PDB file of all heavy atoms in Angstrom:
ATOM      1  N   SER A   1      13.208  11.115  -6.897  1.00  0.00           N
ATOM      2  CA  SER A   1      13.772  12.139  -6.027  1.00  0.00           C
ATOM      3  C   SER A   1      14.663  11.528  -4.941  1.00  0.00           C
ATOM      4  O   SER A   1      15.120  12.226  -4.083  1.00  0.00           O
ATOM      5  CB  SER A   1      12.676  12.993  -5.387  1.00  0.00           C
ATOM      6  OG  SER A   1      11.976  13.647  -6.379  1.00  0.00           O
ATOM      7  N   GLN A   2      14.790  10.170  -4.935  1.00  0.00           N
ATOM      8  CA  GLN A   2      15.616   9.385  -3.972  1.00  0.00           C
ATOM      9  C   GLN A   2      15.160   9.650  -2.549  1.00  0.00           C
ATOM     10  O   GLN A   2      15.980   9.935  -1.659  1.00  0.00           O
ATOM     11  CB  GLN A   2      17.081   9.811  -4.167  1.00  0.00           C
ATOM     12  CG  GLN A   2      17.624   9.461  -5.533  1.00  0.00           C
ATOM     13  CD  GLN A   2      19.096   9.768  -5.705  1.00  0.00           C
ATOM     14  OE1 GLN A   2      19.699  10.420  -4.856  1.00  0.00           O
ATOM     15  NE2 GLN A   2      19.667   9.336  -6.783  1.00  0.00           N
ATOM     16  N   LYS A   3      13.842   9.579  -2.323  1.00  0.00           N
ATOM     17  CA  LYS A   3      13.318   9.707  -0.949  1.00  0.00           C
ATOM     18  C   LYS A   3      13.330   8.337  -0.277  1.00  0.00           C
ATOM     19  O   LYS A   3      13.533   7.319  -0.881  1.00  0.00           O
ATOM     20  CB  LYS A   3      11.939  10.295  -1.033  1.00  0.00           C
ATOM     21  CG  LYS A   3      11.837  11.715  -1.568  1.00  0.00           C
ATOM     22  CD  LYS A   3      12.679  12.663  -0.695  1.00  0.00           C
ATOM     23  CE  LYS A   3      12.571  14.131  -1.123  1.00  0.00           C
ATOM     24  NZ  LYS A   3      13.273  14.414  -2.419  1.00  0.00           N
ATOM     25  N   ALA A   4      13.028   8.374   1.022  1.00  0.00           N
ATOM     26  CA  ALA A   4      13.030   7.120   1.821  1.00  0.00           C
ATOM     27  C   ALA A   4      12.049   6.136   1.363  1.00  0.00           C
ATOM     28  O   ALA A   4      12.230   4.931   1.439  1.00  0.00           O
ATOM     29  CB  ALA A   4      12.843   7.461   3.287  1.00  0.00           C
ATOM     30  N   ALA A   5      10.875   6.606   0.904  1.00  0.00           N
ATOM     31  CA  ALA A   5       9.811   5.693   0.394  1.00  0.00           C
ATOM     32  C   ALA A   5       9.678   5.933  -1.069  1.00  0.00           C
ATOM     33  O   ALA A   5       9.568   7.062  -1.555  1.00  0.00           O
ATOM     34  CB  ALA A   5       8.477   5.965   1.122  1.00  0.00           C
ATOM     35  N   GLY A   6       9.604   4.847  -1.804  1.00  0.00           N
ATOM     36  CA  GLY A   6       9.554   4.961  -3.287  1.00  0.00           C
ATOM     37  C   GLY A   6       8.434   4.075  -3.873  1.00  0.00           C
ATOM     38  O   GLY A   6       7.302   3.982  -3.337  1.00  0.00           O
ATOM     39  N   ILE A   7       8.711   3.546  -5.058  1.00  0.00           N
ATOM     40  CA  ILE A   7       7.703   2.879  -5.826  1.00  0.00           C
ATOM     41  C   ILE A   7       7.055   1.711  -5.077  1.00  0.00           C
ATOM     42  O   ILE A   7       5.888   1.531  -4.951  1.00  0.00           O
ATOM     43  CB  ILE A   7       8.297   2.379  -7.159  1.00  0.00           C
ATOM     44  CG1 ILE A   7       8.631   3.542  -8.046  1.00  0.00           C
ATOM     45  CG2 ILE A   7       7.275   1.488  -7.919  1.00  0.00           C
ATOM     46  CD1 ILE A   7       9.278   3.139  -9.390  1.00  0.00           C
ATOM     47  N   ARG A   8       7.932   0.818  -4.499  1.00  0.00           N
ATOM     48  CA  ARG A   8       7.427  -0.352  -3.832  1.00  0.00           C
ATOM     49  C   ARG A   8       6.576   0.004  -2.601  1.00  0.00           C
ATOM     50  O   ARG A   8       5.486  -0.544  -2.361  1.00  0.00           O
ATOM     51  CB  ARG A   8       8.567  -1.286  -3.450  1.00  0.00           C
ATOM     52  CG  ARG A   8       9.299  -1.890  -4.645  1.00  0.00           C
ATOM     53  CD  ARG A   8      10.367  -2.815  -4.152  1.00  0.00           C
ATOM     54  NE  ARG A   8      11.394  -2.052  -3.291  1.00  0.00           N
ATOM     55  CZ  ARG A   8      12.350  -2.647  -2.620  1.00  0.00           C
ATOM     56  NH1 ARG A   8      12.437  -3.975  -2.662  1.00  0.00           N
ATOM     57  NH2 ARG A   8      13.187  -1.885  -1.927  1.00  0.00           N
ATOM     58  N   THR A   9       7.058   0.960  -1.789  1.00  0.00           N
ATOM     59  CA  THR A   9       6.370   1.322  -0.556  1.00  0.00           C
ATOM     60  C   THR A   9       5.032   1.912  -0.887  1.00  0.00           C
ATOM     61  O   THR A   9       3.945   1.542  -0.306  1.00  0.00           O
ATOM     62  CB  THR A   9       7.219   2.366   0.217  1.00  0.00           C
ATOM     63  OG1 THR A   9       8.449   1.804   0.517  1.00  0.00           O
ATOM     64  CG2 THR A   9       6.477   2.712   1.541  1.00  0.00           C
ATOM     65  N   PHE A  10       4.955   2.809  -1.885  1.00  0.00           N
ATOM     66  CA  PHE A  10       3.709   3.466  -2.199  1.00  0.00           C
ATOM     67  C   PHE A  10       2.701   2.441  -2.822  1.00  0.00           C
ATOM     68  O   PHE A  10       1.534   2.540  -2.549  1.00  0.00           O
ATOM     69  CB  PHE A  10       3.916   4.619  -3.153  1.00  0.00           C
ATOM     70  CG  PHE A  10       4.286   5.929  -2.486  1.00  0.00           C
ATOM     71  CD1 PHE A  10       5.512   6.108  -1.980  1.00  0.00           C
ATOM     72  CD2 PHE A  10       3.350   6.924  -2.410  1.00  0.00           C
ATOM     73  CE1 PHE A  10       5.858   7.343  -1.333  1.00  0.00           C
ATOM     74  CE2 PHE A  10       3.642   8.104  -1.772  1.00  0.00           C
ATOM     75  CZ  PHE A  10       4.915   8.259  -1.237  1.00  0.00           C
ATOM     76  N   SER A  11       3.183   1.550  -3.641  1.00  0.00           N
ATOM     77  CA  SER A  11       2.293   0.542  -4.190  1.00  0.00           C
ATOM     78  C   SER A  11       1.733  -0.349  -3.146  1.00  0.00           C
ATOM     79  O   SER A  11       0.520  -0.647  -3.114  1.00  0.00           O
ATOM     80  CB  SER A  11       3.093  -0.274  -5.238  1.00  0.00           C
ATOM     81  OG  SER A  11       2.245  -1.229  -5.858  1.00  0.00           O
ATOM     82  N   LEU A  12       2.562  -0.761  -2.166  1.00  0.00           N
ATOM     83  CA  LEU A  12       2.086  -1.615  -1.087  1.00  0.00           C
ATOM     84  C   LEU A  12       1.062  -0.881  -0.210  1.00  0.00           C
ATOM     85  O   LEU A  12       0.098  -1.489   0.240  1.00  0.00           O
ATOM     86  CB  LEU A  12       3.240  -2.067  -0.253  1.00  0.00           C
ATOM     87  CG  LEU A  12       4.210  -3.128  -0.868  1.00  0.00           C
ATOM     88  CD1 LEU A  12       5.457  -3.346  -0.043  1.00  0.00           C
ATOM     89  CD2 LEU A  12       3.464  -4.409  -1.120  1.00  0.00           C
ATOM     90  N   ILE A  13       1.299   0.415   0.003  1.00  0.00           N
ATOM     91  CA  ILE A  13       0.322   1.186   0.805  1.00  0.00           C
ATOM     92  C   ILE A  13      -0.997   1.269   0.130  1.00  0.00           C
ATOM     93  O   ILE A  13      -2.105   1.133   0.721  1.00  0.00           O
ATOM     94  CB  ILE A  13       0.908   2.635   1.126  1.00  0.00           C
ATOM     95  CG1 ILE A  13       2.047   2.484   2.080  1.00  0.00           C
ATOM     96  CG2 ILE A  13      -0.178   3.507   1.680  1.00  0.00           C
ATOM     97  CD1 ILE A  13       2.809   3.782   2.278  1.00  0.00           C
ATOM     98  N   SER A  14      -0.994   1.538  -1.233  1.00  0.00           N
ATOM     99  CA  SER A  14      -2.258   1.576  -1.962  1.00  0.00           C
ATOM    100  C   SER A  14      -2.981   0.241  -1.947  1.00  0.00           C
ATOM    101  O   SER A  14      -4.188   0.111  -1.824  1.00  0.00           O
ATOM    102  CB  SER A  14      -1.996   2.015  -3.416  1.00  0.00           C
ATOM    103  OG  SER A  14      -1.592   3.392  -3.421  1.00  0.00           O
ATOM    104  N   LEU A  15      -2.179  -0.862  -2.064  1.00  0.00           N
ATOM    105  CA  LEU A  15      -2.780  -2.206  -2.022  1.00  0.00           C
ATOM    106  C   LEU A  15      -3.413  -2.460  -0.650  1.00  0.00           C
ATOM    107  O   LEU A  15      -4.508  -3.060  -0.544  1.00  0.00           O
ATOM    108  CB  LEU A  15      -1.719  -3.256  -2.350  1.00  0.00           C
ATOM    109  CG  LEU A  15      -1.293  -3.331  -3.771  1.00  0.00           C
ATOM    110  CD1 LEU A  15      -0.066  -4.262  -3.931  1.00  0.00           C
ATOM    111  CD2 LEU A  15      -2.408  -3.824  -4.663  1.00  0.00           C
ATOM    112  N   LEU A  16      -2.689  -1.993   0.374  1.00  0.00           N
ATOM    113  CA  LEU A  16      -3.216  -2.180   1.759  1.00  0.00           C
ATOM    114  C   LEU A  16      -4.570  -1.419   1.892  1.00  0.00           C
ATOM    115  O   LEU A  16      -5.487  -1.986   2.459  1.00  0.00           O
ATOM    116  CB  LEU A  16      -2.182  -1.654   2.770  1.00  0.00           C
ATOM    117  CG  LEU A  16      -2.526  -1.801   4.243  1.00  0.00           C
ATOM    118  CD1 LEU A  16      -2.513  -3.250   4.635  1.00  0.00           C
ATOM    119  CD2 LEU A  16      -1.585  -0.994   5.117  1.00  0.00           C
ATOM    120  N   GLY A  17      -4.610  -0.180   1.394  1.00  0.00           N
ATOM    121  CA  GLY A  17      -5.928   0.578   1.455  1.00  0.00           C
ATOM    122  C   GLY A  17      -6.971  -0.172   0.727  1.00  0.00           C
ATOM    123  O   GLY A  17      -8.154  -0.181   1.116  1.00  0.00           O
ATOM    124  N   ALA A  18      -6.664  -0.694  -0.459  1.00  0.00           N
ATOM    125  CA  ALA A  18      -7.664  -1.436  -1.242  1.00  0.00           C
ATOM    126  C   ALA A  18      -8.130  -2.677  -0.604  1.00  0.00           C
ATOM    127  O   ALA A  18      -9.360  -2.958  -0.509  1.00  0.00           O
ATOM    128  CB  ALA A  18      -7.034  -1.751  -2.636  1.00  0.00           C
ATOM    129  N   VAL A  19      -7.244  -3.463  -0.048  1.00  0.00           N
ATOM    130  CA  VAL A  19      -7.604  -4.710   0.582  1.00  0.00           C
ATOM    131  C   VAL A  19      -8.497  -4.376   1.816  1.00  0.00           C
ATOM    132  O   VAL A  19      -9.575  -5.114   2.065  1.00  0.00           O
ATOM    133  CB  VAL A  19      -6.362  -5.502   1.035  1.00  0.00           C
ATOM    134  CG1 VAL A  19      -6.718  -6.687   1.923  1.00  0.00           C
ATOM    135  CG2 VAL A  19      -5.664  -5.990  -0.228  1.00  0.00           C
ATOM    136  N   PHE A  20      -8.083  -3.478   2.710  1.00  0.00           N
ATOM    137  CA  PHE A  20      -8.892  -3.156   3.863  1.00  0.00           C
ATOM    138  C   PHE A  20     -10.232  -2.634   3.537  1.00  0.00           C
ATOM    139  O   PHE A  20     -11.219  -2.906   4.225  1.00  0.00           O
ATOM    140  CB  PHE A  20      -8.096  -2.203   4.743  1.00  0.00           C
ATOM    141  CG  PHE A  20      -7.000  -2.859   5.606  1.00  0.00           C
ATOM    142  CD1 PHE A  20      -6.184  -2.081   6.413  1.00  0.00           C
ATOM    143  CD2 PHE A  20      -6.769  -4.227   5.526  1.00  0.00           C
ATOM    144  CE1 PHE A  20      -5.184  -2.684   7.153  1.00  0.00           C
ATOM    145  CE2 PHE A  20      -5.781  -4.816   6.277  1.00  0.00           C
ATOM    146  CZ  PHE A  20      -4.971  -4.042   7.073  1.00  0.00           C
ATOM    147  N   THR A  21     -10.300  -1.895   2.443  1.00  0.00           N
ATOM    148  CA  THR A  21     -11.606  -1.328   2.005  1.00  0.00           C
ATOM    149  C   THR A  21     -12.512  -2.455   1.537  1.00  0.00           C
ATOM    150  O   THR A  21     -13.751  -2.469   1.882  1.00  0.00           O
ATOM    151  CB  THR A  21     -11.418  -0.277   0.916  1.00  0.00           C
ATOM    152  OG1 THR A  21     -10.603   0.754   1.325  1.00  0.00           O
ATOM    153  CG2 THR A  21     -12.754   0.268   0.462  1.00  0.00           C
ATOM    154  N   ILE A  22     -12.011  -3.394   0.774  1.00  0.00           N
ATOM    155  CA  ILE A  22     -12.838  -4.518   0.334  1.00  0.00           C
ATOM    156  C   ILE A  22     -13.290  -5.344   1.549  1.00  0.00           C
ATOM    157  O   ILE A  22     -14.481  -5.737   1.589  1.00  0.00           O
ATOM    158  CB  ILE A  22     -12.006  -5.343  -0.600  1.00  0.00           C
ATOM    159  CG1 ILE A  22     -11.761  -4.611  -1.947  1.00  0.00           C
ATOM    160  CG2 ILE A  22     -12.735  -6.712  -0.917  1.00  0.00           C
ATOM    161  CD1 ILE A  22     -10.776  -5.298  -2.886  1.00  0.00           C
ATOM    162  N   VAL A  23     -12.455  -5.599   2.445  1.00  0.00           N
ATOM    163  CA  VAL A  23     -12.873  -6.301   3.694  1.00  0.00           C
ATOM    164  C   VAL A  23     -13.935  -5.563   4.458  1.00  0.00           C
ATOM    165  O   VAL A  23     -14.870  -6.124   4.955  1.00  0.00           O
ATOM    166  CB  VAL A  23     -11.614  -6.608   4.577  1.00  0.00           C
ATOM    167  CG1 VAL A  23     -12.049  -7.241   5.879  1.00  0.00           C
ATOM    168  CG2 VAL A  23     -10.579  -7.477   3.813  1.00  0.00           C
ATOM    169  N   ALA A  24     -13.769  -4.183   4.494  1.00  0.00           N
ATOM    170  CA  ALA A  24     -14.749  -3.376   5.211  1.00  0.00           C
ATOM    171  C   ALA A  24     -16.122  -3.446   4.568  1.00  0.00           C
ATOM    172  O   ALA A  24     -17.161  -3.377   5.201  1.00  0.00           O
ATOM    173  CB  ALA A  24     -14.235  -1.918   5.256  1.00  0.00           C
ATOM    174  N   LEU A  25     -16.114  -3.543   3.220  1.00  0.00           N
ATOM    175  CA  LEU A  25     -17.393  -3.636   2.504  1.00  0.00           C
ATOM    176  C   LEU A  25     -18.043  -5.015   2.619  1.00  0.00           C
ATOM    177  O   LEU A  25     -19.264  -5.108   2.466  1.00  0.00           O
ATOM    178  CB  LEU A  25     -17.142  -3.308   1.032  1.00  0.00           C
ATOM    179  CG  LEU A  25     -16.666  -1.834   0.681  1.00  0.00           C
ATOM    180  CD1 LEU A  25     -16.370  -1.736  -0.810  1.00  0.00           C
ATOM    181  CD2 LEU A  25     -17.826  -0.888   1.056  1.00  0.00           C
ATOM    182  N   GLU A  26     -17.236  -6.033   2.836  1.00  0.00           N
ATOM    183  CA  GLU A  26     -17.763  -7.394   2.870  1.00  0.00           C
ATOM    184  C   GLU A  26     -18.034  -7.919   4.259  1.00  0.00           C
ATOM    185  O   GLU A  26     -18.898  -8.843   4.441  1.00  0.00           O
ATOM    186  CB  GLU A  26     -16.822  -8.306   2.126  1.00  0.00           C
ATOM    187  CG  GLU A  26     -16.596  -7.957   0.658  1.00  0.00           C
ATOM    188  CD  GLU A  26     -17.838  -8.122  -0.157  1.00  0.00           C
ATOM    189  OE1 GLU A  26     -18.695  -8.953   0.218  1.00  0.00           O
ATOM    190  OE2 GLU A  26     -17.936  -7.480  -1.229  1.00  0.00           O
ATOM    191  N   THR A  27     -17.331  -7.409   5.310  1.00  0.00           N
ATOM    192  CA  THR A  27     -17.505  -7.963   6.611  1.00  0.00           C
ATOM    193  C   THR A  27     -17.725  -6.857   7.653  1.00  0.00           C
ATOM    194  O   THR A  27     -17.357  -5.688   7.470  1.00  0.00           O
ATOM    195  CB  THR A  27     -16.216  -8.740   7.077  1.00  0.00           C
ATOM    196  OG1 THR A  27     -15.085  -7.805   7.117  1.00  0.00           O
ATOM    197  CG2 THR A  27     -15.869  -9.843   6.089  1.00  0.00           C
ATOM    198  N   PRO A  28     -18.472  -7.116   8.714  1.00  0.00           N
ATOM    199  CA  PRO A  28     -18.767  -6.103   9.720  1.00  0.00           C
ATOM    200  C   PRO A  28     -17.568  -5.605  10.457  1.00  0.00           C
ATOM    201  O   PRO A  28     -17.599  -4.497  11.009  1.00  0.00           O
ATOM    202  CB  PRO A  28     -19.782  -6.784  10.606  1.00  0.00           C
ATOM    203  CG  PRO A  28     -19.518  -8.264  10.451  1.00  0.00           C
ATOM    204  CD  PRO A  28     -19.087  -8.470   9.066  1.00  0.00           C
ATOM    205  N   VAL A  29     -16.520  -6.414  10.563  1.00  0.00           N
ATOM    206  CA  VAL A  29     -15.290  -5.998  11.292  1.00  0.00           C
ATOM    207  C   VAL A  29     -14.270  -5.260  10.469  1.00  0.00           C
ATOM    208  O   VAL A  29     -13.251  -4.781  10.899  1.00  0.00           O
ATOM    209  CB  VAL A  29     -14.657  -7.225  11.989  1.00  0.00           C
ATOM    210  CG1 VAL A  29     -15.582  -7.829  12.980  1.00  0.00           C
ATOM    211  CG2 VAL A  29     -14.205  -8.215  10.977  1.00  0.00           C
ATOM    212  N   GLY A  30     -14.581  -5.191   9.129  1.00  0.00           N
ATOM    213  CA  GLY A  30     -13.590  -4.618   8.200  1.00  0.00           C
ATOM    214  C   GLY A  30     -13.367  -3.133   8.402  1.00  0.00           C
ATOM    215  O   GLY A  30     -12.259  -2.634   8.112  1.00  0.00           O
ATOM    216  N   SER A  31     -14.375  -2.451   8.818  1.00  0.00           N
ATOM    217  CA  SER A  31     -14.218  -0.975   9.014  1.00  0.00           C
ATOM    218  C   SER A  31     -13.153  -0.667  10.033  1.00  0.00           C
ATOM    219  O   SER A  31     -12.391   0.285   9.894  1.00  0.00           O
ATOM    220  CB  SER A  31     -15.576  -0.339   9.377  1.00  0.00           C
ATOM    221  OG  SER A  31     -16.031  -0.961  10.565  1.00  0.00           O
ATOM    222  N   GLY A  32     -13.057  -1.523  11.070  1.00  0.00           N
ATOM    223  CA  GLY A  32     -12.092  -1.310  12.088  1.00  0.00           C
ATOM    224  C   GLY A  32     -10.635  -1.493  11.480  1.00  0.00           C
ATOM    225  O   GLY A  32      -9.712  -0.797  11.814  1.00  0.00           O
TER     226      GLY A  32
END
């Protein structure tokens, strides 16, 4: 649809959510 955010942006955002969740599960400061 030629929007401002596309495949790369959305993929990076999902990766960011996954990484921060894994850190949150493994370390006490990850939830922050």
